[in-house]
Amino acid sequence: MRHLADDLAAALSRQPDRPALADGQRALSRGAVLARAGDIAGALGRAGVRPDEPVLLACSNRADDVAAF
């Protein structure tokens, strides 16, 4: 089974210095989004969340929050 996250990670890893997101206050490169997503995944894993386990996210309208998706 393919996961959307795998496809997004593959797309973000190509040309990691290119802009990916901006929210008016901050801009993130593709590499920064991928790194932030890895940080979030690591934190969830350390908290006991397993791969493919559902997680509820409460996000604001900021570039940083997109990485949590």
Protein backbone atom coordinates (compact mmCIF):
# COMPACT_ATOMS: atom_id res chain seq x y z
CA MET A 1 0.00 0.00 0.00
CA ARG A 2 1.37 3.42 -0.95
CA HIS A 3 1.15 6.24 1.55
CA LEU A 4 0.68 9.88 0.67
CA ALA A 5 3.44 10.72 3.16
CA ASP A 6 5.94 8.66 1.15
CA ASP A 7 5.03 10.48 -2.06
CA LEU A 8 5.30 13.86 -0.33
CA ALA A 9 8.67 12.97 1.18
CA ALA A 10 9.98 11.91 -2.23
CA ALA A 11 8.78 15.17 -3.81
CA LEU A 12 10.24 17.31 -1.01
CA SER A 13 13.61 15.56 -1.16
CA ARG A 14 14.05 16.61 -4.78
CA GLN A 15 15.54 20.12 -4.91
CA PRO A 16 15.50 20.60 -1.12
CA ASP A 17 16.56 24.26 -1.33
CA ARG A 18 13.50 25.32 -3.32
CA PRO A 19 10.70 27.11 -1.47
CA ALA A 20 7.83 24.92 -0.35
CA LEU A 21 5.63 27.02 1.94
CA ALA A 22 5.16 30.60 3.06
CA ASP A 23 2.69 32.09 5.51
CA GLY A 24 3.46 35.80 5.35
CA GLN A 25 5.81 35.64 8.35
CA ARG A 26 8.03 32.75 7.40
CA ALA A 27 9.06 30.73 4.35
CA LEU A 28 10.22 27.11 4.49
CA SER A 29 12.27 25.24 1.93
CA ARG A 30 11.34 21.75 0.82
CA GLY A 31 14.20 20.38 2.90
CA ALA A 32 13.07 22.31 5.97
CA VAL A 33 9.54 20.94 5.66
CA LEU A 34 10.89 17.41 5.33
CA ALA A 35 13.19 17.88 8.36
CA ARG A 36 10.35 19.35 10.44
CA ALA A 37 8.09 16.43 9.50
CA GLY A 38 10.83 14.04 10.62
CA ASP A 39 11.15 15.89 13.94
CA ILE A 40 7.41 15.65 14.51
CA ALA A 41 7.34 11.96 13.58
CA GLY A 42 10.23 11.30 15.95
CA ALA A 43 8.49 13.10 18.81
CA LEU A 44 5.30 11.14 18.22
CA GLY A 45 7.25 7.88 18.17
CA ARG A 46 8.98 8.74 21.45
CA ALA A 47 5.55 9.46 22.92
CA GLY A 48 4.46 5.93 22.00
CA VAL A 49 2.57 6.57 18.76
CA ARG A 50 3.15 3.73 16.29
CA PRO A 51 3.33 3.99 12.49
CA ASP A 52 -0.12 4.08 10.87
CA GLU A 53 -1.78 4.89 14.22
CA PRO A 54 -4.27 7.78 13.83
CA VAL A 55 -3.33 11.09 15.45
CA LEU A 56 -5.49 14.19 15.84
CA LEU A 57 -3.77 17.45 14.90
CA ALA A 58 -4.96 20.92 15.86
CA CYS A 59 -3.18 23.35 13.57
CA SER A 60 -3.22 27.05 12.93
CA ASN A 61 -2.72 28.65 9.54
CA ARG A 62 1.10 28.66 9.64
CA ALA A 63 3.75 27.15 7.39
CA ASP A 64 5.23 25.18 10.31
CA ASP A 65 1.95 23.39 10.93
CA VAL A 66 1.78 21.97 7.41
CA ALA A 67 4.81 19.81 8.23
CA ALA A 68 2.73 18.00 10.85
CA PHE A 69 0.45 16.72 8.12
